[in-house]
Amino acid sequence: MITNHEIASEVSRRVLEVNRLLNEAVSLVQERCPDAETSAFKQAVGSVLGALLLDVVNPLYRVHPQLAPPELYLPGRDSGISS
């Protein structure tokens, strides 16, 4: 995965923006389309977001954990929660 921190930071920012835009698209479809279309669209977007997470986000944040948003679970990262 990307080793250059500056490039990784920009990629992270863009991937988070893609995520935000896709979530907005889902909201738009939910508001304006029939249930069957909404269901199909949500399934398609879920597939895209799943692939993005598994194939881009997780590998990127494994190399650059400091770039991961605090709300994103990363195995091995200290959550700050004590048991």
N, C-alpha and C. Protein backbone atom coordinates (compact mmCIF):
# COMPACT_ATOMS: atom_id res chain seq x y z
N MET A 1 0.86 -1.18 0.00
CA MET A 1 0.00 0.00 0.00
C MET A 1 0.90 1.23 0.00
N ILE A 2 0.32 2.36 -0.07
CA ILE A 2 1.03 3.64 -0.19
C ILE A 2 1.88 3.90 1.04
N THR A 3 3.17 4.14 0.84
CA THR A 3 4.07 4.39 1.97
C THR A 3 4.29 5.87 2.23
N ASN A 4 4.17 6.71 1.22
CA ASN A 4 4.38 8.15 1.39
C ASN A 4 3.23 8.74 2.21
N HIS A 5 3.58 9.34 3.34
CA HIS A 5 2.56 9.85 4.27
C HIS A 5 1.68 10.95 3.65
N GLU A 6 2.29 11.86 2.92
CA GLU A 6 1.52 12.96 2.32
C GLU A 6 0.50 12.44 1.30
N ILE A 7 0.93 11.51 0.48
CA ILE A 7 0.02 10.93 -0.51
C ILE A 7 -1.07 10.13 0.20
N ALA A 8 -0.68 9.35 1.19
CA ALA A 8 -1.65 8.56 1.95
C ALA A 8 -2.69 9.47 2.62
N SER A 9 -2.25 10.59 3.14
CA SER A 9 -3.16 11.54 3.77
C SER A 9 -4.18 12.09 2.77
N GLU A 10 -3.72 12.42 1.58
CA GLU A 10 -4.63 12.93 0.54
C GLU A 10 -5.58 11.84 0.07
N VAL A 11 -5.08 10.63 -0.09
CA VAL A 11 -5.94 9.51 -0.47
C VAL A 11 -7.00 9.28 0.61
N SER A 12 -6.59 9.30 1.86
CA SER A 12 -7.54 9.13 2.96
C SER A 12 -8.63 10.18 2.91
N ARG A 13 -8.23 11.43 2.73
CA ARG A 13 -9.22 12.51 2.65
C ARG A 13 -10.20 12.28 1.52
N ARG A 14 -9.70 11.86 0.38
CA ARG A 14 -10.57 11.63 -0.77
C ARG A 14 -11.48 10.43 -0.58
N VAL A 15 -10.96 9.37 0.02
CA VAL A 15 -11.78 8.19 0.27
C VAL A 15 -12.91 8.52 1.25
N LEU A 16 -12.60 9.30 2.28
CA LEU A 16 -13.64 9.71 3.23
C LEU A 16 -14.70 10.58 2.54
N GLU A 17 -14.27 11.39 1.59
CA GLU A 17 -15.21 12.21 0.83
C GLU A 17 -16.10 11.34 -0.06
N VAL A 18 -15.52 10.34 -0.68
CA VAL A 18 -16.31 9.39 -1.49
C VAL A 18 -17.36 8.72 -0.61
N ASN A 19 -16.95 8.29 0.57
CA ASN A 19 -17.88 7.67 1.51
C ASN A 19 -19.03 8.61 1.85
N ARG A 20 -18.69 9.86 2.14
CA ARG A 20 -19.73 10.86 2.46
C ARG A 20 -20.68 11.07 1.29
N LEU A 21 -20.14 11.18 0.10
CA LEU A 21 -20.98 11.41 -1.08
C LEU A 21 -21.89 10.22 -1.38
N LEU A 22 -21.37 9.02 -1.21
CA LEU A 22 -22.21 7.84 -1.43
C LEU A 22 -23.32 7.75 -0.39
N ASN A 23 -23.01 8.09 0.85
CA ASN A 23 -24.06 8.10 1.88
C ASN A 23 -25.12 9.15 1.57
N GLU A 24 -24.71 10.30 1.06
CA GLU A 24 -25.68 11.32 0.65
C GLU A 24 -26.54 10.82 -0.51
N ALA A 25 -25.93 10.10 -1.43
CA ALA A 25 -26.68 9.54 -2.56
C ALA A 25 -27.73 8.55 -2.07
N VAL A 26 -27.38 7.73 -1.08
CA VAL A 26 -28.34 6.79 -0.51
C VAL A 26 -29.50 7.56 0.11
N SER A 27 -29.22 8.62 0.83
CA SER A 27 -30.28 9.43 1.44
C SER A 27 -31.20 10.02 0.38
N LEU A 28 -30.62 10.50 -0.70
CA LEU A 28 -31.41 11.07 -1.80
C LEU A 28 -32.34 10.02 -2.39
N VAL A 29 -31.80 8.84 -2.65
CA VAL A 29 -32.61 7.77 -3.23
C VAL A 29 -33.70 7.35 -2.26
N GLN A 30 -33.40 7.26 -0.98
CA GLN A 30 -34.41 6.89 0.02
C GLN A 30 -35.56 7.89 0.03
N GLU A 31 -35.23 9.16 -0.14
CA GLU A 31 -36.25 10.21 -0.09
C GLU A 31 -37.11 10.24 -1.35
N ARG A 32 -36.55 9.88 -2.50
CA ARG A 32 -37.22 10.16 -3.76
C ARG A 32 -37.57 8.96 -4.63
N CYS A 33 -37.17 7.78 -4.23
CA CYS A 33 -37.38 6.61 -5.10
C CYS A 33 -38.24 5.56 -4.40
N PRO A 34 -38.88 4.71 -5.19
CA PRO A 34 -39.66 3.61 -4.62
C PRO A 34 -38.77 2.66 -3.82
N ASP A 35 -39.39 1.92 -2.92
CA ASP A 35 -38.65 1.01 -2.04
C ASP A 35 -37.78 0.02 -2.79
N ALA A 36 -38.29 -0.55 -3.86
CA ALA A 36 -37.52 -1.55 -4.61
C ALA A 36 -36.23 -0.94 -5.18
N GLU A 37 -36.33 0.27 -5.71
CA GLU A 37 -35.14 0.94 -6.25
C GLU A 37 -34.19 1.30 -5.12
N THR A 38 -34.74 1.75 -4.01
CA THR A 38 -33.91 2.11 -2.86
C THR A 38 -33.14 0.90 -2.36
N SER A 39 -33.82 -0.22 -2.26
CA SER A 39 -33.18 -1.44 -1.78
C SER A 39 -32.04 -1.87 -2.70
N ALA A 40 -32.29 -1.85 -3.99
CA ALA A 40 -31.25 -2.24 -4.96
C ALA A 40 -30.07 -1.27 -4.91
N PHE A 41 -30.37 0.00 -4.79
CA PHE A 41 -29.30 1.02 -4.75
C PHE A 41 -28.47 0.86 -3.48
N LYS A 42 -29.15 0.67 -2.35
CA LYS A 42 -28.43 0.50 -1.08
C LYS A 42 -27.53 -0.73 -1.12
N GLN A 43 -28.01 -1.79 -1.73
CA GLN A 43 -27.19 -3.00 -1.84
C GLN A 43 -25.96 -2.74 -2.70
N ALA A 44 -26.14 -2.04 -3.81
CA ALA A 44 -25.01 -1.74 -4.69
C ALA A 44 -23.99 -0.83 -4.00
N VAL A 45 -24.47 0.19 -3.31
CA VAL A 45 -23.56 1.10 -2.60
C VAL A 45 -22.86 0.36 -1.47
N GLY A 46 -23.58 -0.52 -0.80
CA GLY A 46 -22.96 -1.32 0.26
C GLY A 46 -21.82 -2.18 -0.27
N SER A 47 -21.99 -2.73 -1.46
CA SER A 47 -20.93 -3.51 -2.07
C SER A 47 -19.70 -2.65 -2.38
N VAL A 48 -19.96 -1.47 -2.90
CA VAL A 48 -18.87 -0.54 -3.22
C VAL A 48 -18.14 -0.13 -1.94
N LEU A 49 -18.90 0.24 -0.91
CA LEU A 49 -18.28 0.68 0.34
C LEU A 49 -17.53 -0.47 1.02
N GLY A 50 -18.07 -1.67 0.93
CA GLY A 50 -17.38 -2.82 1.49
C GLY A 50 -16.05 -3.06 0.81
N ALA A 51 -16.03 -3.01 -0.52
CA ALA A 51 -14.79 -3.18 -1.27
C ALA A 51 -13.80 -2.06 -0.95
N LEU A 52 -14.31 -0.84 -0.84
CA LEU A 52 -13.46 0.30 -0.51
C LEU A 52 -12.80 0.10 0.86
N LEU A 53 -13.59 -0.37 1.81
CA LEU A 53 -13.06 -0.61 3.16
C LEU A 53 -12.00 -1.71 3.16
N LEU A 54 -12.35 -2.84 2.56
CA LEU A 54 -11.45 -3.99 2.60
C LEU A 54 -10.21 -3.82 1.73
N ASP A 55 -10.36 -3.21 0.58
CA ASP A 55 -9.27 -3.15 -0.39
C ASP A 55 -8.44 -1.87 -0.35
N VAL A 56 -9.00 -0.80 0.23
CA VAL A 56 -8.29 0.49 0.24
C VAL A 56 -8.09 1.00 1.67
N VAL A 57 -9.16 1.17 2.40
CA VAL A 57 -9.09 1.82 3.71
C VAL A 57 -8.29 0.99 4.71
N ASN A 58 -8.66 -0.27 4.90
CA ASN A 58 -7.94 -1.08 5.88
C ASN A 58 -6.44 -1.18 5.58
N PRO A 59 -6.05 -1.49 4.34
CA PRO A 59 -4.61 -1.54 4.05
C PRO A 59 -3.91 -0.19 4.25
N LEU A 60 -4.57 0.89 3.86
CA LEU A 60 -3.99 2.22 4.02
C LEU A 60 -3.77 2.56 5.48
N TYR A 61 -4.79 2.29 6.31
CA TYR A 61 -4.68 2.63 7.73
C TYR A 61 -3.82 1.65 8.51
N ARG A 62 -3.56 0.47 7.95
CA ARG A 62 -2.59 -0.43 8.59
C ARG A 62 -1.19 0.18 8.51
N VAL A 63 -0.90 0.81 7.38
CA VAL A 63 0.40 1.44 7.18
C VAL A 63 0.46 2.80 7.86
N HIS A 64 -0.67 3.51 7.88
CA HIS A 64 -0.73 4.87 8.44
C HIS A 64 -1.89 4.98 9.45
N PRO A 65 -1.80 4.30 10.59
CA PRO A 65 -2.91 4.29 11.54
C PRO A 65 -3.26 5.68 12.08
N GLN A 66 -2.29 6.58 12.08
CA GLN A 66 -2.54 7.94 12.58
C GLN A 66 -3.50 8.71 11.68
N LEU A 67 -3.73 8.26 10.45
CA LEU A 67 -4.65 8.92 9.53
C LEU A 67 -6.10 8.48 9.74
N ALA A 68 -6.28 7.35 10.40
CA ALA A 68 -7.63 6.80 10.57
C ALA A 68 -8.46 7.68 11.50
N PRO A 69 -9.71 7.95 11.11
CA PRO A 69 -10.58 8.71 12.01
C PRO A 69 -10.73 7.97 13.33
N PRO A 70 -10.82 8.69 14.44
CA PRO A 70 -10.89 8.03 15.75
C PRO A 70 -12.08 7.08 15.89
N GLU A 71 -13.17 7.37 15.18
CA GLU A 71 -14.37 6.53 15.30
C GLU A 71 -14.26 5.22 14.50
N LEU A 72 -13.21 5.09 13.70
CA LEU A 72 -13.03 3.88 12.92
C LEU A 72 -12.28 2.84 13.73
N TYR A 73 -12.88 1.66 13.89
CA TYR A 73 -12.22 0.58 14.63
C TYR A 73 -11.05 0.06 13.84
N LEU A 74 -9.89 0.02 14.46
CA LEU A 74 -8.71 -0.59 13.87
C LEU A 74 -8.17 -1.62 14.84
N PRO A 75 -8.15 -2.88 14.45
CA PRO A 75 -7.59 -3.89 15.34
C PRO A 75 -6.16 -3.52 15.74
N GLY A 76 -5.88 -3.65 17.02
CA GLY A 76 -4.54 -3.34 17.50
C GLY A 76 -4.33 -1.90 17.89
N ARG A 77 -5.26 -1.03 17.56
CA ARG A 77 -5.11 0.37 17.96
C ARG A 77 -5.73 0.55 19.34
N ASP A 78 -5.06 1.30 20.19
CA ASP A 78 -5.56 1.55 21.53
C ASP A 78 -6.83 2.37 21.42
N SER A 79 -7.94 1.81 21.92
CA SER A 79 -9.23 2.49 21.84
C SER A 79 -9.43 3.49 22.95
N GLY A 80 -8.56 3.46 23.96
CA GLY A 80 -8.73 4.36 25.09
C GLY A 80 -9.73 3.84 26.10
N ILE A 81 -10.31 2.69 25.82
CA ILE A 81 -11.29 2.09 26.72
C ILE A 81 -10.56 1.09 27.60
N SER A 82 -10.65 1.28 28.89
CA SER A 82 -10.00 0.33 29.79
C SER A 82 -11.01 -0.72 30.24
N SER A 83 -10.52 -1.93 30.48
CA SER A 83 -11.41 -3.00 30.89
C SER A 83 -11.40 -3.19 32.38
